Amino acid sequence: MLDIAVSRPCTVEIKEPRDTLALTRRVNGVKLDVVDDPNFAALKRGQTIPWGSIRASGDEGVRISYRVRTGRDVTGDPEF
């Protein structure tokens, strides 16, 4: 799990390894969807009440470098 948001929007962006992971969003423990861009996902405020999470899945042992942005720092668009 890369981030859990409680009543705050957030974005997660994968720095490394690009294009090799699958990001999914979960709201209240229910898997919403597989994210279209494998390197970027966002949760809106309404999806984080009471909580939402962004998870990454890939090969075992893969080291993930990522950035989480929250609150006013949320961009809604990939930046890398």
N, C-alpha and C. Protein backbone atom coordinates (compact mmCIF):
# COMPACT_ATOMS: atom_id res chain seq x y z
N MET A 1 0.85 -1.16 0.00
CA MET A 1 0.00 0.00 0.00
C MET A 1 0.90 1.23 0.00
N LEU A 2 0.64 2.16 -0.91
CA LEU A 2 1.48 3.34 -1.03
C LEU A 2 0.98 4.51 -0.21
N ASP A 3 -0.34 4.67 -0.08
CA ASP A 3 -0.85 5.78 0.73
C ASP A 3 -2.26 5.46 1.18
N ILE A 4 -2.59 5.92 2.39
CA ILE A 4 -3.96 5.89 2.89
C ILE A 4 -4.36 7.34 3.16
N ALA A 5 -5.50 7.74 2.64
CA ALA A 5 -5.99 9.10 2.83
C ALA A 5 -7.28 9.05 3.63
N VAL A 6 -7.35 9.86 4.66
CA VAL A 6 -8.57 9.97 5.46
C VAL A 6 -9.04 11.41 5.35
N SER A 7 -10.12 11.61 4.64
CA SER A 7 -10.74 12.93 4.46
C SER A 7 -9.81 13.96 3.83
N ARG A 8 -8.89 13.52 3.00
CA ARG A 8 -8.03 14.46 2.27
C ARG A 8 -7.69 13.86 0.92
N PRO A 9 -7.73 14.66 -0.14
CA PRO A 9 -7.35 14.14 -1.45
C PRO A 9 -5.85 13.87 -1.48
N CYS A 10 -5.45 12.97 -2.36
CA CYS A 10 -4.02 12.69 -2.49
C CYS A 10 -3.74 12.18 -3.90
N THR A 11 -2.49 12.27 -4.30
CA THR A 11 -2.03 11.66 -5.53
C THR A 11 -0.77 10.88 -5.22
N VAL A 12 -0.57 9.79 -5.95
CA VAL A 12 0.64 8.98 -5.85
C VAL A 12 1.22 8.88 -7.25
N GLU A 13 2.50 9.15 -7.36
CA GLU A 13 3.17 9.05 -8.66
C GLU A 13 4.40 8.17 -8.51
N ILE A 14 4.51 7.17 -9.40
CA ILE A 14 5.64 6.24 -9.38
C ILE A 14 6.82 6.90 -10.09
N LYS A 15 7.96 6.96 -9.41
CA LYS A 15 9.19 7.47 -10.03
C LYS A 15 9.94 6.31 -10.70
N GLU A 16 10.17 5.25 -9.96
CA GLU A 16 10.86 4.06 -10.45
C GLU A 16 10.23 2.83 -9.83
N PRO A 17 10.06 1.73 -10.49
CA PRO A 17 10.26 1.50 -11.92
C PRO A 17 9.01 1.91 -12.70
N ARG A 18 9.17 2.67 -13.74
CA ARG A 18 8.05 3.15 -14.55
C ARG A 18 7.47 2.01 -15.38
N ASP A 19 6.15 2.04 -15.56
CA ASP A 19 5.42 1.16 -16.47
C ASP A 19 5.52 -0.33 -16.14
N THR A 20 5.85 -0.68 -14.90
CA THR A 20 5.94 -2.11 -14.56
C THR A 20 5.00 -2.51 -13.43
N LEU A 21 4.30 -1.54 -12.82
CA LEU A 21 3.40 -1.82 -11.70
C LEU A 21 1.96 -1.58 -12.11
N ALA A 22 1.04 -2.14 -11.33
CA ALA A 22 -0.39 -1.87 -11.51
C ALA A 22 -0.88 -1.12 -10.28
N LEU A 23 -1.38 0.09 -10.45
CA LEU A 23 -1.94 0.86 -9.35
C LEU A 23 -3.44 0.63 -9.29
N THR A 24 -3.96 0.46 -8.09
CA THR A 24 -5.41 0.34 -7.89
C THR A 24 -5.83 1.28 -6.78
N ARG A 25 -7.08 1.75 -6.86
CA ARG A 25 -7.65 2.58 -5.82
C ARG A 25 -8.68 1.75 -5.06
N ARG A 26 -8.71 1.92 -3.76
CA ARG A 26 -9.72 1.26 -2.92
C ARG A 26 -10.40 2.32 -2.07
N VAL A 27 -11.71 2.23 -1.99
CA VAL A 27 -12.49 3.14 -1.15
C VAL A 27 -13.24 2.28 -0.15
N ASN A 28 -12.97 2.52 1.13
CA ASN A 28 -13.58 1.74 2.21
C ASN A 28 -13.34 0.25 2.03
N GLY A 29 -12.17 -0.11 1.51
CA GLY A 29 -11.79 -1.50 1.35
C GLY A 29 -12.28 -2.14 0.06
N VAL A 30 -13.05 -1.41 -0.75
CA VAL A 30 -13.57 -1.96 -2.00
C VAL A 30 -12.69 -1.48 -3.15
N LYS A 31 -12.21 -2.42 -3.96
CA LYS A 31 -11.37 -2.08 -5.11
C LYS A 31 -12.22 -1.37 -6.15
N LEU A 32 -11.84 -0.14 -6.50
CA LEU A 32 -12.61 0.63 -7.48
C LEU A 32 -12.25 0.24 -8.90
N ASP A 33 -10.98 0.32 -9.23
CA ASP A 33 -10.58 0.09 -10.60
C ASP A 33 -9.07 -0.05 -10.69
N VAL A 34 -8.63 -0.55 -11.82
CA VAL A 34 -7.21 -0.49 -12.15
C VAL A 34 -7.01 0.85 -12.82
N VAL A 35 -6.02 1.59 -12.39
CA VAL A 35 -5.79 2.94 -12.88
C VAL A 35 -5.27 2.90 -14.31
N ASP A 36 -5.76 3.81 -15.16
CA ASP A 36 -5.37 3.84 -16.57
C ASP A 36 -3.88 4.05 -16.76
N ASP A 37 -3.32 5.03 -16.07
CA ASP A 37 -1.88 5.31 -16.16
C ASP A 37 -1.20 4.50 -15.07
N PRO A 38 -0.34 3.54 -15.41
CA PRO A 38 0.25 2.69 -14.37
C PRO A 38 1.20 3.42 -13.44
N ASN A 39 1.51 4.69 -13.74
CA ASN A 39 2.48 5.43 -12.93
C ASN A 39 1.85 6.54 -12.09
N PHE A 40 0.52 6.69 -12.14
CA PHE A 40 -0.10 7.84 -11.48
C PHE A 40 -1.54 7.51 -11.09
N ALA A 41 -1.91 7.87 -9.87
CA ALA A 41 -3.29 7.67 -9.41
C ALA A 41 -3.66 8.79 -8.46
N ALA A 42 -4.93 9.10 -8.37
CA ALA A 42 -5.40 10.17 -7.49
C ALA A 42 -6.68 9.74 -6.80
N LEU A 43 -6.88 10.24 -5.58
CA LEU A 43 -8.13 10.06 -4.84
C LEU A 43 -8.76 11.43 -4.60
N LYS A 44 -10.04 11.57 -4.94
CA LYS A 44 -10.75 12.81 -4.66
C LYS A 44 -11.21 12.83 -3.20
N ARG A 45 -11.53 14.01 -2.70
CA ARG A 45 -11.93 14.13 -1.30
C ARG A 45 -13.10 13.20 -0.96
N GLY A 46 -14.10 13.12 -1.82
CA GLY A 46 -15.25 12.27 -1.54
C GLY A 46 -14.91 10.79 -1.50
N GLN A 47 -13.80 10.39 -2.11
CA GLN A 47 -13.39 9.00 -2.09
C GLN A 47 -12.57 8.66 -0.85
N THR A 48 -12.25 9.63 -0.03
CA THR A 48 -11.40 9.39 1.14
C THR A 48 -12.18 9.42 2.45
N ILE A 49 -13.52 9.47 2.38
CA ILE A 49 -14.33 9.50 3.60
C ILE A 49 -15.05 8.17 3.72
N PRO A 50 -14.85 7.35 4.75
CA PRO A 50 -13.88 7.62 5.79
C PRO A 50 -12.43 7.38 5.36
N TRP A 51 -12.19 6.52 4.36
CA TRP A 51 -10.80 6.39 3.93
C TRP A 51 -10.71 5.78 2.54
N GLY A 52 -9.60 6.06 1.88
CA GLY A 52 -9.30 5.46 0.59
C GLY A 52 -7.82 5.13 0.56
N SER A 53 -7.43 4.25 -0.33
CA SER A 53 -6.02 3.88 -0.42
C SER A 53 -5.62 3.67 -1.87
N ILE A 54 -4.33 3.82 -2.13
CA ILE A 54 -3.76 3.51 -3.44
C ILE A 54 -2.72 2.42 -3.21
N ARG A 55 -2.84 1.34 -3.97
CA ARG A 55 -1.94 0.21 -3.83
C ARG A 55 -1.22 -0.04 -5.14
N ALA A 56 -0.02 -0.58 -5.02
CA ALA A 56 0.75 -0.98 -6.20
C ALA A 56 0.99 -2.47 -6.11
N SER A 57 0.90 -3.14 -7.25
CA SER A 57 1.25 -4.56 -7.29
C SER A 57 2.20 -4.79 -8.46
N GLY A 58 3.11 -5.70 -8.24
CA GLY A 58 4.11 -6.02 -9.25
C GLY A 58 4.89 -7.24 -8.81
N ASP A 59 6.03 -7.44 -9.41
CA ASP A 59 6.86 -8.59 -9.08
C ASP A 59 7.38 -8.48 -7.65
N GLU A 60 7.53 -9.62 -7.00
CA GLU A 60 8.03 -9.66 -5.63
C GLU A 60 9.47 -9.15 -5.57
N GLY A 61 9.76 -8.35 -4.56
CA GLY A 61 11.12 -7.85 -4.37
C GLY A 61 11.44 -6.57 -5.13
N VAL A 62 10.49 -6.05 -5.90
CA VAL A 62 10.74 -4.82 -6.65
C VAL A 62 10.77 -3.65 -5.68
N ARG A 63 11.78 -2.80 -5.78
CA ARG A 63 11.87 -1.59 -4.95
C ARG A 63 11.14 -0.48 -5.69
N ILE A 64 10.27 0.22 -4.97
CA ILE A 64 9.44 1.26 -5.57
C ILE A 64 9.85 2.62 -5.02
N SER A 65 10.09 3.56 -5.92
CA SER A 65 10.32 4.94 -5.54
C SER A 65 9.10 5.72 -6.01
N TYR A 66 8.45 6.42 -5.08
CA TYR A 66 7.21 7.13 -5.43
C TYR A 66 7.08 8.41 -4.65
N ARG A 67 6.15 9.26 -5.10
CA ARG A 67 5.87 10.53 -4.43
C ARG A 67 4.39 10.59 -4.10
N VAL A 68 4.09 11.02 -2.88
CA VAL A 68 2.70 11.22 -2.44
C VAL A 68 2.50 12.70 -2.21
N ARG A 69 1.43 13.24 -2.78
CA ARG A 69 1.09 14.65 -2.58
C ARG A 69 -0.29 14.71 -1.95
N THR A 70 -0.46 15.62 -0.99
CA THR A 70 -1.74 15.72 -0.28
C THR A 70 -2.13 17.18 -0.13
N GLY A 71 -3.41 17.37 0.25
CA GLY A 71 -3.91 18.72 0.54
C GLY A 71 -3.77 19.67 -0.63
N ARG A 72 -3.21 20.84 -0.38
CA ARG A 72 -3.07 21.85 -1.43
C ARG A 72 -2.01 21.49 -2.46
N ASP A 73 -1.19 20.49 -2.15
CA ASP A 73 -0.12 20.07 -3.04
C ASP A 73 -0.59 19.11 -4.13
N VAL A 74 -1.86 18.67 -4.07
CA VAL A 74 -2.39 17.73 -5.06
C VAL A 74 -2.46 18.40 -6.42
N THR A 75 -1.91 17.75 -7.44
CA THR A 75 -1.91 18.35 -8.77
C THR A 75 -3.02 17.79 -9.66
N GLY A 76 -3.35 16.52 -9.49
CA GLY A 76 -4.33 15.91 -10.38
C GLY A 76 -3.75 15.48 -11.71
N ASP A 77 -2.50 15.85 -11.98
CA ASP A 77 -1.83 15.49 -13.25
C ASP A 77 -0.43 14.98 -12.94
N PRO A 78 0.04 13.97 -13.71
CA PRO A 78 1.42 13.50 -13.53
C PRO A 78 2.41 14.63 -13.80
N GLU A 79 3.54 14.61 -13.09
CA GLU A 79 4.52 15.68 -13.25
C GLU A 79 5.88 15.19 -13.68
N PHE A 80 6.13 13.88 -13.62
CA PHE A 80 7.46 13.39 -13.99
C PHE A 80 7.56 13.25 -15.50
